[in-house]
Amino acid sequence: MATTASDCRLPVYGGRRARARTWYFHMKGRLGYLRQFSRTDFSRVTRLVFVCKGNICRSPYAEARARQLGLRAASCGLECPTGDDANAAAIGNALKRGLDLRLHRTARAAGLSLTPADLLVAMEPAHARCLEAIATACGAQLTLAGVWSRPYRPYIHDPFGLDDRCFQACFTLLDSAVSGLRDQLLRAQGDTPYRGHPGTRTGSAAR
């Protein structure tokens, strides 16, 4: 499927490896190989659980944005200790966007109490693969944050160690993803009209 103008609206940030991964998974998603992550039954979902590697940049920001929008949310990391602060650059860049991460403390995915009403929201396809066994064991659903963002970005690169421009690009994507998830939750409750499925790329529903 052809790349649209909206796909290129947000710069791809990071080095060559990040750019390659971004476009590789973008095309995999366009070709339907990540379709399972958009088959979410939002009528079952009562909490969003955002997951990244270290729970210090992406997932705490997404959790904070979701809470600001009135959603039940949590976050955790796949490879992190328990009780660490958020990354200093993430804190600074989040404050510029009206979110305060200074009270955030890291939590490990393996130690989080999950239920079938949770939706695990991974930042990268590799994270989703690591979460499959956890999701199956507790009956939770699993998706990718960037499947619900505009533009479509199934791989959201870690801004850790990068400059503020990269943090802001990442957080812009996460804001869009969280808004997309909120819209789907409201739709499932009958509170808002349908705004289009992640697989749709034509007409008013195009991402």
N, C-alpha and C. Protein backbone atom coordinates (compact mmCIF):
# COMPACT_ATOMS: atom_id res chain seq x y z
N MET A 1 0.84 -1.18 0.00
CA MET A 1 0.00 0.00 0.00
C MET A 1 0.88 1.24 0.00
N ALA A 2 0.53 2.25 -0.77
CA ALA A 2 1.34 3.44 -0.91
C ALA A 2 1.38 4.25 0.37
N THR A 3 2.52 4.91 0.62
CA THR A 3 2.65 5.80 1.75
C THR A 3 1.91 7.09 1.45
N THR A 4 1.13 7.60 2.39
CA THR A 4 0.36 8.81 2.18
C THR A 4 1.08 10.01 2.75
N ALA A 5 0.57 11.21 2.42
CA ALA A 5 1.18 12.43 2.92
C ALA A 5 1.17 12.47 4.44
N SER A 6 0.10 11.97 5.05
CA SER A 6 0.00 11.99 6.50
C SER A 6 1.04 11.09 7.15
N ASP A 7 1.49 10.04 6.43
CA ASP A 7 2.50 9.14 6.97
C ASP A 7 3.82 9.88 7.18
N CYS A 8 4.07 10.90 6.38
CA CYS A 8 5.33 11.62 6.40
C CYS A 8 5.24 12.93 7.18
N ARG A 9 4.10 13.18 7.81
CA ARG A 9 3.86 14.45 8.48
C ARG A 9 4.79 14.65 9.66
N LEU A 10 5.14 13.58 10.35
CA LEU A 10 6.01 13.68 11.51
C LEU A 10 7.39 13.12 11.15
N PRO A 11 8.47 13.88 11.41
CA PRO A 11 9.80 13.38 11.09
C PRO A 11 10.12 12.08 11.81
N VAL A 12 10.85 11.21 11.16
CA VAL A 12 11.34 9.99 11.81
C VAL A 12 12.60 10.37 12.56
N TYR A 13 12.61 10.19 13.88
CA TYR A 13 13.71 10.67 14.70
C TYR A 13 14.65 9.53 15.07
N GLY A 14 15.86 9.90 15.50
CA GLY A 14 16.86 8.91 15.87
C GLY A 14 17.86 8.69 14.75
N GLY A 15 18.79 7.76 14.97
CA GLY A 15 19.82 7.47 13.99
C GLY A 15 19.34 6.53 12.90
N ARG A 16 20.29 6.00 12.15
CA ARG A 16 19.96 5.13 11.01
C ARG A 16 19.19 3.88 11.44
N ARG A 17 19.62 3.30 12.54
CA ARG A 17 18.96 2.09 13.01
C ARG A 17 17.50 2.36 13.37
N ALA A 18 17.29 3.49 14.06
CA ALA A 18 15.92 3.86 14.43
C ALA A 18 15.07 4.11 13.20
N ARG A 19 15.62 4.79 12.23
CA ARG A 19 14.88 5.09 11.00
C ARG A 19 14.54 3.81 10.24
N ALA A 20 15.52 2.91 10.19
CA ALA A 20 15.28 1.64 9.49
C ALA A 20 14.18 0.84 10.16
N ARG A 21 14.21 0.77 11.48
CA ARG A 21 13.17 0.03 12.20
C ARG A 21 11.80 0.69 12.03
N THR A 22 11.79 2.02 12.11
CA THR A 22 10.52 2.74 11.96
C THR A 22 9.86 2.40 10.63
N TRP A 23 10.60 2.51 9.57
CA TRP A 23 10.00 2.29 8.24
C TRP A 23 9.78 0.81 7.95
N TYR A 24 10.62 -0.06 8.51
CA TYR A 24 10.41 -1.50 8.33
C TYR A 24 9.07 -1.93 8.93
N PHE A 25 8.83 -1.53 10.18
CA PHE A 25 7.57 -1.93 10.82
C PHE A 25 6.39 -1.14 10.27
N HIS A 26 6.65 0.06 9.80
CA HIS A 26 5.59 0.82 9.13
C HIS A 26 5.08 0.04 7.92
N MET A 27 6.01 -0.46 7.11
CA MET A 27 5.60 -1.19 5.91
C MET A 27 5.00 -2.55 6.26
N LYS A 28 5.53 -3.21 7.28
CA LYS A 28 4.92 -4.47 7.73
C LYS A 28 3.47 -4.26 8.13
N GLY A 29 3.24 -3.16 8.84
CA GLY A 29 1.88 -2.85 9.25
C GLY A 29 0.99 -2.54 8.06
N ARG A 30 1.50 -1.79 7.11
CA ARG A 30 0.73 -1.44 5.92
C ARG A 30 0.36 -2.69 5.12
N LEU A 31 1.23 -3.67 5.15
CA LEU A 31 0.99 -4.90 4.40
C LEU A 31 0.14 -5.91 5.18
N GLY A 32 -0.24 -5.56 6.38
CA GLY A 32 -1.16 -6.39 7.14
C GLY A 32 -0.53 -7.36 8.11
N TYR A 33 0.79 -7.33 8.27
CA TYR A 33 1.45 -8.31 9.14
C TYR A 33 1.28 -8.00 10.62
N LEU A 34 0.81 -6.80 10.95
CA LEU A 34 0.60 -6.44 12.36
C LEU A 34 -0.89 -6.24 12.64
N ARG A 35 -1.71 -6.80 11.79
CA ARG A 35 -3.15 -6.57 11.89
C ARG A 35 -3.73 -7.04 13.22
N GLN A 36 -3.12 -8.07 13.82
CA GLN A 36 -3.67 -8.60 15.08
C GLN A 36 -3.69 -7.55 16.19
N PHE A 37 -2.82 -6.54 16.09
CA PHE A 37 -2.75 -5.54 17.15
C PHE A 37 -3.83 -4.46 17.03
N SER A 38 -4.60 -4.50 15.97
CA SER A 38 -5.72 -3.56 15.85
C SER A 38 -7.06 -4.26 16.07
N ARG A 39 -7.02 -5.57 16.34
CA ARG A 39 -8.25 -6.33 16.60
C ARG A 39 -8.55 -6.35 18.09
N THR A 40 -8.85 -5.19 18.61
CA THR A 40 -9.06 -5.03 20.05
C THR A 40 -10.55 -4.87 20.34
N ASP A 41 -11.02 -5.60 21.33
CA ASP A 41 -12.40 -5.46 21.79
C ASP A 41 -12.40 -4.43 22.93
N PHE A 42 -12.65 -3.18 22.57
CA PHE A 42 -12.59 -2.11 23.56
C PHE A 42 -13.73 -2.16 24.57
N SER A 43 -14.78 -2.91 24.26
CA SER A 43 -15.88 -3.03 25.23
C SER A 43 -15.43 -3.79 26.48
N ARG A 44 -14.32 -4.54 26.38
CA ARG A 44 -13.78 -5.28 27.53
C ARG A 44 -12.80 -4.47 28.36
N VAL A 45 -12.32 -3.36 27.83
CA VAL A 45 -11.18 -2.66 28.41
C VAL A 45 -11.61 -1.64 29.46
N THR A 46 -11.02 -1.75 30.65
CA THR A 46 -11.26 -0.76 31.70
C THR A 46 -9.97 -0.05 32.12
N ARG A 47 -8.81 -0.56 31.67
CA ARG A 47 -7.55 0.08 32.02
C ARG A 47 -6.54 -0.10 30.90
N LEU A 48 -5.78 0.95 30.62
CA LEU A 48 -4.67 0.90 29.66
C LEU A 48 -3.38 0.73 30.44
N VAL A 49 -2.57 -0.25 30.02
CA VAL A 49 -1.28 -0.50 30.67
C VAL A 49 -0.19 -0.31 29.62
N PHE A 50 0.52 0.80 29.69
CA PHE A 50 1.54 1.14 28.70
C PHE A 50 2.87 0.48 29.09
N VAL A 51 3.52 -0.11 28.08
CA VAL A 51 4.73 -0.88 28.35
C VAL A 51 5.85 -0.47 27.39
N CYS A 52 7.02 -0.20 27.95
CA CYS A 52 8.21 -0.01 27.13
C CYS A 52 9.36 -0.80 27.79
N LYS A 53 10.56 -0.51 27.44
CA LYS A 53 11.68 -1.29 27.96
C LYS A 53 12.02 -0.93 29.41
N GLY A 54 12.24 0.38 29.67
CA GLY A 54 12.73 0.78 30.98
C GLY A 54 11.74 1.49 31.87
N ASN A 55 10.56 1.83 31.34
CA ASN A 55 9.52 2.53 32.12
C ASN A 55 10.02 3.86 32.67
N ILE A 56 10.86 4.54 31.87
CA ILE A 56 11.37 5.84 32.32
C ILE A 56 11.13 6.96 31.31
N CYS A 57 10.70 6.64 30.10
CA CYS A 57 10.47 7.67 29.08
C CYS A 57 9.08 7.54 28.45
N ARG A 58 8.92 6.55 27.57
CA ARG A 58 7.70 6.46 26.77
C ARG A 58 6.48 6.06 27.57
N SER A 59 6.56 4.94 28.27
CA SER A 59 5.36 4.44 28.95
C SER A 59 4.88 5.35 30.09
N PRO A 60 5.78 5.95 30.91
CA PRO A 60 5.25 6.86 31.93
C PRO A 60 4.60 8.11 31.34
N TYR A 61 5.15 8.57 30.21
CA TYR A 61 4.53 9.73 29.56
C TYR A 61 3.13 9.37 29.06
N ALA A 62 3.00 8.23 28.38
CA ALA A 62 1.70 7.81 27.87
C ALA A 62 0.70 7.60 29.02
N GLU A 63 1.17 7.02 30.12
CA GLU A 63 0.29 6.84 31.28
C GLU A 63 -0.20 8.18 31.80
N ALA A 64 0.71 9.15 31.92
CA ALA A 64 0.33 10.46 32.44
C ALA A 64 -0.66 11.16 31.52
N ARG A 65 -0.44 11.04 30.21
CA ARG A 65 -1.37 11.67 29.27
C ARG A 65 -2.75 11.01 29.35
N ALA A 66 -2.77 9.69 29.45
CA ALA A 66 -4.05 8.98 29.55
C ALA A 66 -4.80 9.40 30.81
N ARG A 67 -4.09 9.49 31.92
CA ARG A 67 -4.74 9.91 33.17
C ARG A 67 -5.28 11.34 33.06
N GLN A 68 -4.52 12.20 32.39
CA GLN A 68 -4.98 13.57 32.20
C GLN A 68 -6.28 13.62 31.40
N LEU A 69 -6.45 12.65 30.49
CA LEU A 69 -7.65 12.58 29.68
C LEU A 69 -8.79 11.83 30.38
N GLY A 70 -8.57 11.46 31.64
CA GLY A 70 -9.62 10.82 32.41
C GLY A 70 -9.70 9.32 32.27
N LEU A 71 -8.64 8.69 31.75
CA LEU A 71 -8.63 7.25 31.56
C LEU A 71 -7.90 6.56 32.71
N ARG A 72 -8.32 5.34 33.04
CA ARG A 72 -7.58 4.51 33.99
C ARG A 72 -6.33 4.00 33.28
N ALA A 73 -5.18 4.20 33.88
CA ALA A 73 -3.94 3.83 33.19
C ALA A 73 -2.86 3.46 34.19
N ALA A 74 -1.93 2.65 33.71
CA ALA A 74 -0.73 2.27 34.46
C ALA A 74 0.39 2.13 33.46
N SER A 75 1.61 1.94 33.93
CA SER A 75 2.74 1.71 33.03
C SER A 75 3.75 0.81 33.71
N CYS A 76 4.58 0.18 32.90
CA CYS A 76 5.61 -0.72 33.43
C CYS A 76 6.68 -0.93 32.37
N GLY A 77 7.76 -1.57 32.78
CA GLY A 77 8.87 -1.83 31.87
C GLY A 77 9.21 -3.30 31.81
N LEU A 78 9.75 -3.71 30.69
CA LEU A 78 10.15 -5.11 30.51
C LEU A 78 11.51 -5.39 31.15
N GLU A 79 12.38 -4.40 31.18
CA GLU A 79 13.73 -4.58 31.70
C GLU A 79 14.09 -3.40 32.59
N CYS A 80 13.58 -3.39 33.80
CA CYS A 80 13.86 -2.26 34.69
C CYS A 80 13.79 -2.72 36.14
N PRO A 81 14.49 -2.01 37.02
CA PRO A 81 14.31 -2.25 38.45
C PRO A 81 13.00 -1.61 38.90
N THR A 82 12.63 -1.83 40.12
CA THR A 82 11.42 -1.23 40.68
C THR A 82 11.79 0.00 41.51
N GLY A 83 11.05 1.09 41.31
CA GLY A 83 11.22 2.25 42.16
C GLY A 83 12.13 3.34 41.66
N ASP A 84 12.63 3.25 40.42
CA ASP A 84 13.48 4.31 39.87
C ASP A 84 12.64 5.48 39.39
N ASP A 85 13.28 6.66 39.32
CA ASP A 85 12.62 7.85 38.79
C ASP A 85 12.51 7.77 37.26
N ALA A 86 11.66 8.61 36.72
CA ALA A 86 11.62 8.79 35.27
C ALA A 86 12.91 9.45 34.81
N ASN A 87 13.25 9.30 33.55
CA ASN A 87 14.43 9.92 32.97
C ASN A 87 14.32 11.45 33.06
N ALA A 88 15.44 12.09 33.37
CA ALA A 88 15.42 13.55 33.57
C ALA A 88 14.98 14.29 32.31
N ALA A 89 15.45 13.84 31.14
CA ALA A 89 15.05 14.50 29.90
C ALA A 89 13.56 14.29 29.62
N ALA A 90 13.06 13.10 29.97
CA ALA A 90 11.63 12.84 29.80
C ALA A 90 10.82 13.75 30.71
N ILE A 91 11.29 13.94 31.95
CA ILE A 91 10.59 14.82 32.89
C ILE A 91 10.54 16.25 32.34
N GLY A 92 11.68 16.73 31.87
CA GLY A 92 11.74 18.09 31.35
C GLY A 92 10.87 18.30 30.13
N ASN A 93 10.90 17.36 29.23
CA ASN A 93 10.10 17.50 28.01
C ASN A 93 8.62 17.29 28.27
N ALA A 94 8.28 16.45 29.23
CA ALA A 94 6.88 16.28 29.59
C ALA A 94 6.32 17.54 30.24
N LEU A 95 7.12 18.21 31.07
CA LEU A 95 6.68 19.45 31.70
C LEU A 95 6.34 20.51 30.65
N LYS A 96 7.09 20.52 29.55
CA LYS A 96 6.80 21.46 28.47
C LYS A 96 5.44 21.20 27.83
N ARG A 97 4.94 19.96 28.01
CA ARG A 97 3.66 19.58 27.42
C ARG A 97 2.56 19.46 28.48
N GLY A 98 2.83 20.00 29.67
CA GLY A 98 1.81 20.06 30.70
C GLY A 98 1.66 18.82 31.55
N LEU A 99 2.65 17.92 31.51
CA LEU A 99 2.58 16.69 32.31
C LEU A 99 3.76 16.62 33.27
N ASP A 100 3.50 16.17 34.49
CA ASP A 100 4.53 16.09 35.52
C ASP A 100 4.85 14.63 35.82
N LEU A 101 6.07 14.21 35.47
CA LEU A 101 6.50 12.83 35.71
C LEU A 101 7.41 12.71 36.93
N ARG A 102 7.51 13.76 37.73
CA ARG A 102 8.48 13.75 38.83
C ARG A 102 8.13 12.76 39.93
N LEU A 103 6.87 12.38 40.05
CA LEU A 103 6.49 11.40 41.07
C LEU A 103 6.46 9.98 40.54
N HIS A 104 6.76 9.81 39.25
CA HIS A 104 6.72 8.46 38.67
C HIS A 104 7.83 7.59 39.25
N ARG A 105 7.51 6.31 39.48
CA ARG A 105 8.49 5.32 39.89
C ARG A 105 8.30 4.08 39.01
N THR A 106 9.38 3.50 38.60
CA THR A 106 9.33 2.37 37.67
C THR A 106 8.70 1.13 38.29
N ALA A 107 8.10 0.32 37.43
CA ALA A 107 7.51 -0.96 37.82
C ALA A 107 7.81 -1.99 36.75
N ARG A 108 8.03 -3.21 37.14
CA ARG A 108 8.33 -4.29 36.20
C ARG A 108 7.03 -4.93 35.70
N ALA A 109 7.00 -5.24 34.40
CA ALA A 109 5.82 -5.87 33.81
C ALA A 109 5.51 -7.20 34.50
N ALA A 110 6.55 -7.96 34.82
CA ALA A 110 6.36 -9.28 35.41
C ALA A 110 5.72 -9.21 36.80
N GLY A 111 5.83 -8.06 37.47
CA GLY A 111 5.29 -7.96 38.81
C GLY A 111 3.96 -7.23 38.90
N LEU A 112 3.44 -6.79 37.75
CA LEU A 112 2.20 -6.03 37.75
C LEU A 112 0.99 -6.96 37.80
N SER A 113 0.00 -6.61 38.60
CA SER A 113 -1.23 -7.39 38.68
C SER A 113 -2.13 -7.02 37.52
N LEU A 114 -2.43 -7.98 36.66
CA LEU A 114 -3.21 -7.74 35.45
C LEU A 114 -4.49 -8.57 35.46
N THR A 115 -5.50 -8.08 34.73
CA THR A 115 -6.78 -8.78 34.62
C THR A 115 -7.21 -8.82 33.15
N PRO A 116 -8.23 -9.60 32.83
CA PRO A 116 -8.74 -9.63 31.45
C PRO A 116 -9.29 -8.30 30.96
N ALA A 117 -9.54 -7.36 31.87
CA ALA A 117 -10.05 -6.05 31.48
C ALA A 117 -8.94 -5.07 31.13
N ASP A 118 -7.68 -5.50 31.25
CA ASP A 118 -6.55 -4.64 30.90
C ASP A 118 -6.21 -4.74 29.42
N LEU A 119 -5.74 -3.63 28.86
CA LEU A 119 -5.19 -3.61 27.51
C LEU A 119 -3.73 -3.25 27.62
N LEU A 120 -2.85 -4.19 27.31
CA LEU A 120 -1.41 -3.94 27.30
C LEU A 120 -1.06 -3.19 26.02
N VAL A 121 -0.42 -2.03 26.16
CA VAL A 121 -0.12 -1.16 25.02
C VAL A 121 1.39 -1.05 24.89
N ALA A 122 1.96 -1.79 23.94
CA ALA A 122 3.41 -1.83 23.75
C ALA A 122 3.87 -0.72 22.81
N MET A 123 5.13 -0.33 22.96
CA MET A 123 5.69 0.72 22.11
C MET A 123 6.33 0.17 20.84
N GLU A 124 6.74 -1.10 20.87
CA GLU A 124 7.43 -1.70 19.73
C GLU A 124 6.91 -3.12 19.52
N PRO A 125 6.92 -3.61 18.29
CA PRO A 125 6.53 -5.00 18.05
C PRO A 125 7.34 -5.99 18.88
N ALA A 126 8.62 -5.72 19.11
CA ALA A 126 9.44 -6.63 19.93
C ALA A 126 8.91 -6.69 21.36
N HIS A 127 8.45 -5.55 21.88
CA HIS A 127 7.85 -5.54 23.22
C HIS A 127 6.59 -6.38 23.24
N ALA A 128 5.79 -6.25 22.20
CA ALA A 128 4.54 -7.01 22.12
C ALA A 128 4.81 -8.51 22.15
N ARG A 129 5.84 -8.93 21.44
CA ARG A 129 6.19 -10.36 21.44
C ARG A 129 6.57 -10.82 22.85
N CYS A 130 7.30 -9.98 23.58
CA CYS A 130 7.68 -10.33 24.95
C CYS A 130 6.47 -10.40 25.88
N LEU A 131 5.43 -9.67 25.54
CA LEU A 131 4.24 -9.59 26.40
C LEU A 131 3.20 -10.66 26.08
N GLU A 132 3.38 -11.39 25.00
CA GLU A 132 2.35 -12.35 24.58
C GLU A 132 2.03 -13.38 25.67
N ALA A 133 3.06 -13.93 26.28
CA ALA A 133 2.84 -14.95 27.31
C ALA A 133 2.13 -14.35 28.53
N ILE A 134 2.51 -13.13 28.91
CA ILE A 134 1.87 -12.47 30.05
C ILE A 134 0.41 -12.20 29.75
N ALA A 135 0.13 -11.71 28.55
CA ALA A 135 -1.25 -11.41 28.16
C ALA A 135 -2.10 -12.68 28.14
N THR A 136 -1.54 -13.74 27.61
CA THR A 136 -2.27 -15.01 27.54
C THR A 136 -2.57 -15.55 28.93
N ALA A 137 -1.60 -15.44 29.82
CA ALA A 137 -1.76 -15.99 31.17
C ALA A 137 -2.86 -15.29 31.96
N CYS A 138 -3.01 -13.97 31.76
CA CYS A 138 -3.99 -13.23 32.56
C CYS A 138 -5.27 -12.92 31.78
N GLY A 139 -5.27 -13.22 30.47
CA GLY A 139 -6.45 -12.96 29.66
C GLY A 139 -6.57 -11.54 29.16
N ALA A 140 -5.51 -10.74 29.34
CA ALA A 140 -5.53 -9.36 28.88
C ALA A 140 -5.34 -9.30 27.36
N GLN A 141 -5.75 -8.20 26.77
CA GLN A 141 -5.53 -7.98 25.35
C GLN A 141 -4.21 -7.22 25.15
N LEU A 142 -3.72 -7.25 23.91
CA LEU A 142 -2.41 -6.68 23.60
C LEU A 142 -2.49 -5.89 22.31
N THR A 143 -1.91 -4.69 22.32
CA THR A 143 -1.90 -3.86 21.12
C THR A 143 -0.59 -3.08 21.06
N LEU A 144 -0.42 -2.31 19.99
CA LEU A 144 0.71 -1.41 19.83
C LEU A 144 0.21 0.02 19.89
N ALA A 145 0.90 0.88 20.63
CA ALA A 145 0.46 2.26 20.78
C ALA A 145 0.32 2.95 19.43
N GLY A 146 1.34 2.80 18.57
CA GLY A 146 1.37 3.52 17.31
C GLY A 146 0.37 3.07 16.27
N VAL A 147 -0.31 1.94 16.52
CA VAL A 147 -1.40 1.52 15.64
C VAL A 147 -2.56 2.52 15.72
N TRP A 148 -2.66 3.22 16.85
CA TRP A 148 -3.77 4.14 17.09
C TRP A 148 -3.39 5.60 16.91
N SER A 149 -2.15 5.86 16.50
CA SER A 149 -1.69 7.24 16.33
C SER A 149 -1.93 7.71 14.89
N ARG A 150 -1.88 9.01 14.74
CA ARG A 150 -1.90 9.62 13.42
C ARG A 150 -0.70 10.56 13.34
N PRO A 151 0.30 10.32 12.51
CA PRO A 151 0.37 9.24 11.54
C PRO A 151 0.60 7.87 12.19
N TYR A 152 0.32 6.84 11.42
CA TYR A 152 0.46 5.44 11.82
C TYR A 152 1.93 5.12 12.05
N ARG A 153 2.28 4.67 13.26
CA ARG A 153 3.66 4.33 13.60
C ARG A 153 3.68 3.12 14.53
N PRO A 154 3.62 1.90 13.99
CA PRO A 154 3.61 0.72 14.87
C PRO A 154 4.89 0.55 15.69
N TYR A 155 5.95 1.22 15.28
CA TYR A 155 7.20 1.22 16.05
C TYR A 155 7.46 2.65 16.52
N ILE A 156 7.44 2.85 17.84
CA ILE A 156 7.74 4.17 18.41
C ILE A 156 9.08 4.08 19.11
N HIS A 157 10.07 4.70 18.51
CA HIS A 157 11.46 4.56 18.95
C HIS A 157 11.68 5.20 20.32
N ASP A 158 12.58 4.60 21.09
CA ASP A 158 12.94 5.09 22.42
C ASP A 158 13.77 6.36 22.29
N PRO A 159 13.32 7.49 22.89
CA PRO A 159 14.11 8.73 22.79
C PRO A 159 15.24 8.82 23.82
N PHE A 160 15.38 7.80 24.68
CA PHE A 160 16.40 7.83 25.72
C PHE A 160 17.78 8.13 25.12
N GLY A 161 18.47 9.13 25.67
CA GLY A 161 19.79 9.50 25.21
C GLY A 161 19.81 10.41 24.00
N LEU A 162 18.62 10.73 23.46
CA LEU A 162 18.54 11.60 22.29
C LEU A 162 18.21 13.03 22.74
N ASP A 163 18.18 13.96 21.77
CA ASP A 163 17.96 15.36 22.13
C ASP A 163 16.48 15.69 22.34
N ASP A 164 16.23 16.92 22.75
CA ASP A 164 14.86 17.33 23.07
C ASP A 164 13.93 17.24 21.86
N ARG A 165 14.46 17.51 20.67
CA ARG A 165 13.64 17.41 19.46
C ARG A 165 13.09 16.00 19.31
N CYS A 166 13.91 15.00 19.60
CA CYS A 166 13.47 13.61 19.49
C CYS A 166 12.44 13.27 20.57
N PHE A 167 12.66 13.78 21.78
CA PHE A 167 11.66 13.56 22.82
C PHE A 167 10.32 14.17 22.43
N GLN A 168 10.37 15.37 21.89
CA GLN A 168 9.12 16.03 21.51
C GLN A 168 8.42 15.30 20.36
N ALA A 169 9.18 14.78 19.41
CA ALA A 169 8.59 14.00 18.32
C ALA A 169 7.94 12.73 18.86
N CYS A 170 8.64 12.06 19.78
CA CYS A 170 8.10 10.85 20.40
C CYS A 170 6.82 11.16 21.18
N PHE A 171 6.86 12.22 21.96
CA PHE A 171 5.70 12.56 22.79
C PHE A 171 4.52 13.03 21.96
N THR A 172 4.79 13.65 20.81
CA THR A 172 3.71 14.01 19.90
C THR A 172 3.00 12.76 19.38
N LEU A 173 3.79 11.76 19.03
CA LEU A 173 3.21 10.48 18.60
C LEU A 173 2.39 9.85 19.72
N LEU A 174 2.92 9.87 20.93
CA LEU A 174 2.22 9.25 22.05
C LEU A 174 0.93 10.00 22.38
N ASP A 175 0.94 11.31 22.27
CA ASP A 175 -0.29 12.07 22.48
C ASP A 175 -1.37 11.62 21.50
N SER A 176 -0.97 11.46 20.25
CA SER A 176 -1.91 11.03 19.22
C SER A 176 -2.40 9.61 19.49
N ALA A 177 -1.49 8.73 19.89
CA ALA A 177 -1.87 7.34 20.17
C ALA A 177 -2.85 7.25 21.33
N VAL A 178 -2.59 8.00 22.40
CA VAL A 178 -3.48 7.97 23.56
C VAL A 178 -4.84 8.56 23.19
N SER A 179 -4.85 9.61 22.39
CA SER A 179 -6.13 10.17 21.95
C SER A 179 -6.90 9.16 21.10
N GLY A 180 -6.17 8.43 20.25
CA GLY A 180 -6.83 7.40 19.45
C GLY A 180 -7.42 6.29 20.30
N LEU A 181 -6.69 5.88 21.31
CA LEU A 181 -7.20 4.85 22.22
C LEU A 181 -8.42 5.36 22.98
N ARG A 182 -8.37 6.60 23.43
CA ARG A 182 -9.53 7.19 24.13
C ARG A 182 -10.74 7.20 23.21
N ASP A 183 -10.55 7.57 21.95
CA ASP A 183 -11.68 7.60 21.01
C ASP A 183 -12.30 6.22 20.85
N GLN A 184 -11.46 5.20 20.79
CA GLN A 184 -11.97 3.84 20.65
C GLN A 184 -12.73 3.40 21.91
N LEU A 185 -12.23 3.77 23.06
CA LEU A 185 -12.91 3.44 24.31
C LEU A 185 -14.26 4.14 24.39
N LEU A 186 -14.31 5.40 24.02
CA LEU A 186 -15.57 6.14 24.03
C LEU A 186 -16.55 5.56 23.02
N ARG A 187 -16.03 5.17 21.87
CA ARG A 187 -16.90 4.56 20.86
C ARG A 187 -17.51 3.28 21.38
N ALA A 188 -16.72 2.47 22.09
CA ALA A 188 -17.21 1.21 22.63
C ALA A 188 -18.31 1.45 23.66
N GLN A 189 -18.26 2.62 24.30
CA GLN A 189 -19.27 2.98 25.29
C GLN A 189 -20.46 3.70 24.65
N GLY A 190 -20.37 3.94 23.32
CA GLY A 190 -21.44 4.63 22.62
C GLY A 190 -21.44 6.13 22.81
N ASP A 191 -20.29 6.70 23.22
CA ASP A 191 -20.23 8.13 23.52
C ASP A 191 -19.66 8.98 22.40
N THR A 192 -19.19 8.37 21.33
CA THR A 192 -18.60 9.16 20.25
C THR A 192 -18.73 8.39 18.94
N PRO A 193 -18.84 9.08 17.79
CA PRO A 193 -18.92 8.37 16.52
C PRO A 193 -17.61 7.70 16.16
N TYR A 194 -17.71 6.66 15.34
CA TYR A 194 -16.54 5.92 14.88
C TYR A 194 -15.65 6.80 14.03
N ARG A 195 -14.35 6.78 14.30
CA ARG A 195 -13.41 7.65 13.59
C ARG A 195 -12.51 6.89 12.64
N GLY A 196 -12.78 5.63 12.42
CA GLY A 196 -11.97 4.89 11.46
C GLY A 196 -11.10 3.83 12.10
N HIS A 197 -10.91 2.74 11.42
CA HIS A 197 -10.11 1.61 11.88
C HIS A 197 -8.67 1.82 11.47
N PRO A 198 -7.70 1.36 12.27
CA PRO A 198 -6.29 1.54 11.92
C PRO A 198 -5.94 1.02 10.54
N GLY A 199 -6.65 0.04 10.04
CA GLY A 199 -6.34 -0.50 8.72
C GLY A 199 -6.91 0.31 7.58
N THR A 200 -7.74 1.32 7.89
CA THR A 200 -8.38 2.13 6.87
C THR A 200 -7.47 3.26 6.46
N ARG A 201 -7.31 3.46 5.18
CA ARG A 201 -6.42 4.52 4.71
C ARG A 201 -7.08 5.37 3.62
N THR A 202 -8.37 5.38 3.54
CA THR A 202 -9.03 6.17 2.52
C THR A 202 -10.10 7.03 3.14
N GLY A 203 -10.47 8.10 2.42
CA GLY A 203 -11.57 8.95 2.86
C GLY A 203 -11.25 9.66 4.17
N SER A 204 -12.33 10.03 4.89
CA SER A 204 -12.17 10.80 6.12
C SER A 204 -11.52 10.02 7.23
N ALA A 205 -11.48 8.68 7.09
CA ALA A 205 -10.88 7.85 8.15
C ALA A 205 -9.41 7.62 7.93
N ALA A 206 -8.84 8.15 6.86
CA ALA A 206 -7.42 7.89 6.59
C ALA A 206 -6.57 8.44 7.69
N ARG A 207 -5.51 7.69 8.03
CA ARG A 207 -4.57 8.13 9.06
C ARG A 207 -3.42 8.84 8.39
